[in-house]
Amino acid sequence: MLRIVLLQFASTAVAGAIAGWLGGVHALVSALLGGLCCVVPNGLFALRLFISANKPGAVNPMTFFIGEFIKIALTIALLGAVVWLYRDLNWLALIAAFIVALKSYIILLFRH
């Protein structure tokens, strides 16, 4: 779980660097914020699963479903906060970095 979150963070940094190179500072910030809107909820979800897996008798499907619901709600809330608070938003960079971070686990699938 930690490897996936770290890979998502690294792919967010790479997407941010590319966006900054192509579109300037506002694209860089937008891409970093877009990627973090994916990485932060996934990291918290992974932490929640790790903690509940180490408790005796705490593993049940409801832990996963509640955590997944919280992750989705937090992702939507973070994206909404970025759109509302960051006035110089570059939509293309935000969405591209979000998708790159969201789909970066595919790299781990082809690694082995």
N, C-alpha and C. Protein backbone atom coordinates (compact mmCIF):
# COMPACT_ATOMS: atom_id res chain seq x y z
N MET A 1 0.82 -1.19 0.00
CA MET A 1 0.00 0.00 0.00
C MET A 1 0.87 1.26 0.00
N LEU A 2 1.93 1.22 0.79
CA LEU A 2 2.81 2.38 0.87
C LEU A 2 3.50 2.64 -0.46
N ARG A 3 3.87 1.57 -1.16
CA ARG A 3 4.53 1.75 -2.47
C ARG A 3 3.62 2.45 -3.46
N ILE A 4 2.35 2.11 -3.44
CA ILE A 4 1.41 2.73 -4.38
C ILE A 4 1.25 4.22 -4.06
N VAL A 5 1.13 4.55 -2.79
CA VAL A 5 0.98 5.96 -2.40
C VAL A 5 2.24 6.73 -2.74
N LEU A 6 3.40 6.16 -2.50
CA LEU A 6 4.66 6.83 -2.85
C LEU A 6 4.79 6.99 -4.37
N LEU A 7 4.37 5.98 -5.13
CA LEU A 7 4.40 6.09 -6.58
C LEU A 7 3.45 7.18 -7.06
N GLN A 8 2.28 7.28 -6.44
CA GLN A 8 1.35 8.35 -6.80
C GLN A 8 1.94 9.72 -6.48
N PHE A 9 2.61 9.83 -5.36
CA PHE A 9 3.24 11.09 -5.00
C PHE A 9 4.35 11.44 -5.99
N ALA A 10 5.15 10.45 -6.37
CA ALA A 10 6.23 10.70 -7.34
C ALA A 10 5.66 11.08 -8.70
N SER A 11 4.60 10.41 -9.12
CA SER A 11 4.01 10.75 -10.42
C SER A 11 3.37 12.13 -10.39
N THR A 12 2.86 12.54 -9.23
CA THR A 12 2.34 13.90 -9.08
C THR A 12 3.46 14.92 -9.23
N ALA A 13 4.61 14.64 -8.64
CA ALA A 13 5.75 15.55 -8.76
C ALA A 13 6.22 15.65 -10.21
N VAL A 14 6.27 14.52 -10.91
CA VAL A 14 6.69 14.53 -12.32
C VAL A 14 5.67 15.28 -13.17
N ALA A 15 4.38 15.02 -12.95
CA ALA A 15 3.34 15.72 -13.70
C ALA A 15 3.38 17.22 -13.41
N GLY A 16 3.65 17.58 -12.17
CA GLY A 16 3.78 18.99 -11.81
C GLY A 16 4.96 19.65 -12.50
N ALA A 17 6.07 18.94 -12.56
CA ALA A 17 7.25 19.49 -13.23
C ALA A 17 7.00 19.68 -14.72
N ILE A 18 6.36 18.71 -15.35
CA ILE A 18 6.05 18.83 -16.78
C ILE A 18 5.06 19.97 -17.01
N ALA A 19 4.04 20.07 -16.16
CA ALA A 19 3.05 21.14 -16.31
C ALA A 19 3.71 22.50 -16.09
N GLY A 20 4.61 22.59 -15.12
CA GLY A 20 5.32 23.84 -14.88
C GLY A 20 6.21 24.23 -16.04
N TRP A 21 6.84 23.24 -16.65
CA TRP A 21 7.70 23.49 -17.79
C TRP A 21 6.89 23.96 -19.00
N LEU A 22 5.70 23.36 -19.19
CA LEU A 22 4.88 23.70 -20.35
C LEU A 22 4.01 24.94 -20.12
N GLY A 23 3.49 25.11 -18.89
CA GLY A 23 2.49 26.14 -18.69
C GLY A 23 2.81 27.20 -17.66
N GLY A 24 3.95 27.11 -17.02
CA GLY A 24 4.32 28.13 -16.05
C GLY A 24 3.96 27.76 -14.62
N VAL A 25 4.09 28.74 -13.76
CA VAL A 25 3.92 28.52 -12.31
C VAL A 25 2.50 28.11 -11.95
N HIS A 26 1.51 28.75 -12.57
CA HIS A 26 0.13 28.42 -12.23
C HIS A 26 -0.23 27.00 -12.65
N ALA A 27 0.32 26.53 -13.75
CA ALA A 27 0.11 25.14 -14.17
C ALA A 27 0.81 24.19 -13.22
N LEU A 28 2.00 24.56 -12.76
CA LEU A 28 2.73 23.74 -11.80
C LEU A 28 1.93 23.57 -10.51
N VAL A 29 1.45 24.67 -9.96
CA VAL A 29 0.68 24.62 -8.72
C VAL A 29 -0.63 23.85 -8.93
N SER A 30 -1.29 24.09 -10.05
CA SER A 30 -2.54 23.39 -10.33
C SER A 30 -2.32 21.89 -10.44
N ALA A 31 -1.25 21.48 -11.10
CA ALA A 31 -0.94 20.06 -11.24
C ALA A 31 -0.61 19.43 -9.89
N LEU A 32 0.17 20.12 -9.09
CA LEU A 32 0.50 19.58 -7.77
C LEU A 32 -0.75 19.44 -6.90
N LEU A 33 -1.61 20.43 -6.94
CA LEU A 33 -2.84 20.37 -6.17
C LEU A 33 -3.76 19.26 -6.69
N GLY A 34 -3.84 19.11 -8.01
CA GLY A 34 -4.66 18.04 -8.58
C GLY A 34 -4.16 16.66 -8.19
N GLY A 35 -2.85 16.47 -8.24
CA GLY A 35 -2.29 15.19 -7.83
C GLY A 35 -2.48 14.92 -6.34
N LEU A 36 -2.32 15.96 -5.54
CA LEU A 36 -2.49 15.79 -4.09
C LEU A 36 -3.95 15.50 -3.73
N CYS A 37 -4.88 15.95 -4.55
CA CYS A 37 -6.28 15.62 -4.31
C CYS A 37 -6.54 14.12 -4.47
N CYS A 38 -5.65 13.43 -5.13
CA CYS A 38 -5.73 11.97 -5.26
C CYS A 38 -4.86 11.27 -4.22
N VAL A 39 -3.67 11.80 -4.00
CA VAL A 39 -2.69 11.13 -3.13
C VAL A 39 -3.10 11.18 -1.66
N VAL A 40 -3.56 12.32 -1.18
CA VAL A 40 -3.90 12.47 0.25
C VAL A 40 -5.02 11.52 0.67
N PRO A 41 -6.15 11.46 -0.04
CA PRO A 41 -7.19 10.50 0.37
C PRO A 41 -6.74 9.05 0.27
N ASN A 42 -5.95 8.72 -0.76
CA ASN A 42 -5.46 7.35 -0.88
C ASN A 42 -4.49 7.01 0.25
N GLY A 43 -3.67 7.96 0.64
CA GLY A 43 -2.75 7.73 1.75
C GLY A 43 -3.49 7.52 3.06
N LEU A 44 -4.52 8.32 3.30
CA LEU A 44 -5.32 8.15 4.52
C LEU A 44 -6.08 6.83 4.50
N PHE A 45 -6.58 6.43 3.34
CA PHE A 45 -7.28 5.15 3.21
C PHE A 45 -6.32 3.99 3.48
N ALA A 46 -5.12 4.06 2.92
CA ALA A 46 -4.13 3.02 3.15
C ALA A 46 -3.74 2.95 4.63
N LEU A 47 -3.60 4.10 5.26
CA LEU A 47 -3.28 4.13 6.69
C LEU A 47 -4.41 3.52 7.51
N ARG A 48 -5.64 3.84 7.15
CA ARG A 48 -6.79 3.27 7.85
C ARG A 48 -6.82 1.74 7.71
N LEU A 49 -6.58 1.23 6.50
CA LEU A 49 -6.57 -0.21 6.30
C LEU A 49 -5.42 -0.87 7.05
N PHE A 50 -4.27 -0.22 7.07
CA PHE A 50 -3.12 -0.78 7.78
C PHE A 50 -3.39 -0.87 9.28
N ILE A 51 -3.97 0.18 9.84
CA ILE A 51 -4.26 0.18 11.27
C ILE A 51 -5.31 -0.86 11.61
N SER A 52 -6.36 -0.96 10.80
CA SER A 52 -7.42 -1.92 11.11
C SER A 52 -6.96 -3.36 10.87
N ALA A 53 -6.01 -3.58 9.96
CA ALA A 53 -5.52 -4.94 9.72
C ALA A 53 -4.67 -5.44 10.87
N ASN A 54 -4.06 -4.54 11.61
CA ASN A 54 -3.21 -4.96 12.73
C ASN A 54 -3.97 -5.13 14.04
N LYS A 55 -5.25 -4.80 14.05
CA LYS A 55 -6.07 -5.02 15.24
C LYS A 55 -6.70 -6.40 15.15
N PRO A 56 -6.66 -7.17 16.22
CA PRO A 56 -7.28 -8.49 16.17
C PRO A 56 -8.81 -8.37 16.07
N GLY A 57 -9.38 -9.08 15.10
CA GLY A 57 -10.82 -9.09 14.92
C GLY A 57 -11.38 -7.84 14.27
N ALA A 58 -10.55 -6.95 13.80
CA ALA A 58 -11.04 -5.70 13.24
C ALA A 58 -11.22 -5.75 11.73
N VAL A 59 -10.83 -6.85 11.10
CA VAL A 59 -10.93 -6.94 9.65
C VAL A 59 -12.33 -7.40 9.28
N ASN A 60 -13.06 -6.52 8.62
CA ASN A 60 -14.36 -6.88 8.09
C ASN A 60 -14.63 -6.02 6.86
N PRO A 61 -15.57 -6.42 6.04
CA PRO A 61 -15.83 -5.66 4.80
C PRO A 61 -16.31 -4.24 5.06
N MET A 62 -16.98 -3.99 6.16
CA MET A 62 -17.48 -2.65 6.43
C MET A 62 -16.34 -1.65 6.63
N THR A 63 -15.23 -2.09 7.18
CA THR A 63 -14.08 -1.20 7.34
C THR A 63 -13.61 -0.71 5.97
N PHE A 64 -13.58 -1.62 5.01
CA PHE A 64 -13.18 -1.23 3.66
C PHE A 64 -14.19 -0.28 3.04
N PHE A 65 -15.47 -0.59 3.12
CA PHE A 65 -16.49 0.23 2.47
C PHE A 65 -16.60 1.61 3.10
N ILE A 66 -16.51 1.69 4.40
CA ILE A 66 -16.55 3.00 5.07
C ILE A 66 -15.32 3.82 4.68
N GLY A 67 -14.17 3.18 4.67
CA GLY A 67 -12.94 3.86 4.26
C GLY A 67 -13.00 4.34 2.82
N GLU A 68 -13.56 3.53 1.94
CA GLU A 68 -13.69 3.91 0.54
C GLU A 68 -14.65 5.09 0.39
N PHE A 69 -15.74 5.09 1.13
CA PHE A 69 -16.68 6.21 1.09
C PHE A 69 -16.02 7.50 1.57
N ILE A 70 -15.26 7.40 2.66
CA ILE A 70 -14.55 8.58 3.18
C ILE A 70 -13.53 9.07 2.17
N LYS A 71 -12.84 8.13 1.50
CA LYS A 71 -11.84 8.51 0.49
C LYS A 71 -12.49 9.27 -0.66
N ILE A 72 -13.60 8.78 -1.15
CA ILE A 72 -14.28 9.45 -2.27
C ILE A 72 -14.80 10.82 -1.84
N ALA A 73 -15.39 10.89 -0.65
CA ALA A 73 -15.91 12.17 -0.17
C ALA A 73 -14.77 13.18 0.03
N LEU A 74 -13.65 12.73 0.56
CA LEU A 74 -12.51 13.62 0.77
C LEU A 74 -11.92 14.08 -0.56
N THR A 75 -11.88 13.20 -1.54
CA THR A 75 -11.39 13.58 -2.86
C THR A 75 -12.25 14.67 -3.48
N ILE A 76 -13.57 14.50 -3.41
CA ILE A 76 -14.49 15.50 -3.95
C ILE A 76 -14.36 16.82 -3.19
N ALA A 77 -14.24 16.73 -1.86
CA ALA A 77 -14.10 17.94 -1.05
C ALA A 77 -12.80 18.68 -1.36
N LEU A 78 -11.71 17.95 -1.53
CA LEU A 78 -10.43 18.59 -1.84
C LEU A 78 -10.46 19.24 -3.23
N LEU A 79 -11.03 18.54 -4.20
CA LEU A 79 -11.14 19.13 -5.53
C LEU A 79 -12.01 20.39 -5.51
N GLY A 80 -13.10 20.33 -4.76
CA GLY A 80 -13.95 21.51 -4.63
C GLY A 80 -13.24 22.66 -3.95
N ALA A 81 -12.46 22.36 -2.93
CA ALA A 81 -11.72 23.41 -2.23
C ALA A 81 -10.67 24.04 -3.13
N VAL A 82 -9.99 23.22 -3.94
CA VAL A 82 -8.98 23.76 -4.86
C VAL A 82 -9.64 24.67 -5.89
N VAL A 83 -10.75 24.22 -6.45
CA VAL A 83 -11.44 25.03 -7.46
C VAL A 83 -11.94 26.34 -6.85
N TRP A 84 -12.43 26.28 -5.62
CA TRP A 84 -12.99 27.45 -4.98
C TRP A 84 -11.93 28.44 -4.50
N LEU A 85 -10.80 27.92 -3.99
CA LEU A 85 -9.82 28.78 -3.34
C LEU A 85 -8.68 29.25 -4.25
N TYR A 86 -8.33 28.47 -5.25
CA TYR A 86 -7.19 28.84 -6.10
C TYR A 86 -7.71 29.56 -7.34
N ARG A 87 -7.52 30.85 -7.39
CA ARG A 87 -8.09 31.69 -8.44
C ARG A 87 -7.40 31.52 -9.80
N ASP A 88 -6.11 31.22 -9.81
CA ASP A 88 -5.36 31.09 -11.07
C ASP A 88 -5.26 29.64 -11.53
N LEU A 89 -6.33 28.91 -11.36
CA LEU A 89 -6.35 27.49 -11.65
C LEU A 89 -6.19 27.22 -13.14
N ASN A 90 -5.33 26.27 -13.45
CA ASN A 90 -5.17 25.76 -14.80
C ASN A 90 -5.88 24.40 -14.84
N TRP A 91 -7.06 24.39 -15.45
CA TRP A 91 -7.90 23.18 -15.43
C TRP A 91 -7.23 21.98 -16.08
N LEU A 92 -6.56 22.20 -17.19
CA LEU A 92 -5.91 21.09 -17.88
C LEU A 92 -4.84 20.44 -17.01
N ALA A 93 -4.03 21.25 -16.37
CA ALA A 93 -2.98 20.72 -15.50
C ALA A 93 -3.57 20.00 -14.29
N LEU A 94 -4.62 20.56 -13.72
CA LEU A 94 -5.28 19.94 -12.56
C LEU A 94 -5.82 18.56 -12.91
N ILE A 95 -6.58 18.49 -13.98
CA ILE A 95 -7.21 17.22 -14.35
C ILE A 95 -6.17 16.21 -14.84
N ALA A 96 -5.19 16.67 -15.60
CA ALA A 96 -4.16 15.75 -16.10
C ALA A 96 -3.36 15.14 -14.96
N ALA A 97 -2.95 15.95 -14.00
CA ALA A 97 -2.17 15.42 -12.87
C ALA A 97 -3.03 14.52 -12.00
N PHE A 98 -4.30 14.83 -11.84
CA PHE A 98 -5.20 13.97 -11.08
C PHE A 98 -5.31 12.60 -11.73
N ILE A 99 -5.47 12.58 -13.05
CA ILE A 99 -5.57 11.30 -13.76
C ILE A 99 -4.25 10.54 -13.72
N VAL A 100 -3.14 11.25 -13.86
CA VAL A 100 -1.83 10.59 -13.79
C VAL A 100 -1.62 9.95 -12.43
N ALA A 101 -1.95 10.67 -11.37
CA ALA A 101 -1.80 10.10 -10.02
C ALA A 101 -2.78 8.96 -9.80
N LEU A 102 -3.97 9.09 -10.33
CA LEU A 102 -5.00 8.06 -10.15
C LEU A 102 -4.62 6.76 -10.85
N LYS A 103 -4.01 6.87 -12.01
CA LYS A 103 -3.67 5.68 -12.79
C LYS A 103 -2.21 5.26 -12.70
N SER A 104 -1.45 5.84 -11.80
CA SER A 104 -0.03 5.52 -11.72
C SER A 104 0.24 4.11 -11.21
N TYR A 105 -0.73 3.49 -10.56
CA TYR A 105 -0.51 2.12 -10.08
C TYR A 105 -0.31 1.14 -11.24
N ILE A 106 -0.70 1.52 -12.43
CA ILE A 106 -0.50 0.65 -13.60
C ILE A 106 0.98 0.40 -13.82
N ILE A 107 1.82 1.35 -13.46
CA ILE A 107 3.27 1.17 -13.58
C ILE A 107 3.72 -0.03 -12.75
N LEU A 108 3.16 -0.18 -11.55
CA LEU A 108 3.53 -1.32 -10.70
C LEU A 108 3.03 -2.65 -11.27
N LEU A 109 1.93 -2.63 -12.00
CA LEU A 109 1.43 -3.86 -12.59
C LEU A 109 2.37 -4.39 -13.67
N PHE A 110 2.97 -3.48 -14.45
CA PHE A 110 3.86 -3.89 -15.53
C PHE A 110 5.30 -4.07 -15.07
N ARG A 111 5.57 -3.79 -13.83
CA ARG A 111 6.93 -3.87 -13.31
C ARG A 111 7.38 -5.34 -13.16
N HIS A 112 6.45 -6.23 -12.88
CA HIS A 112 6.82 -7.63 -12.64
C HIS A 112 6.44 -8.49 -13.81
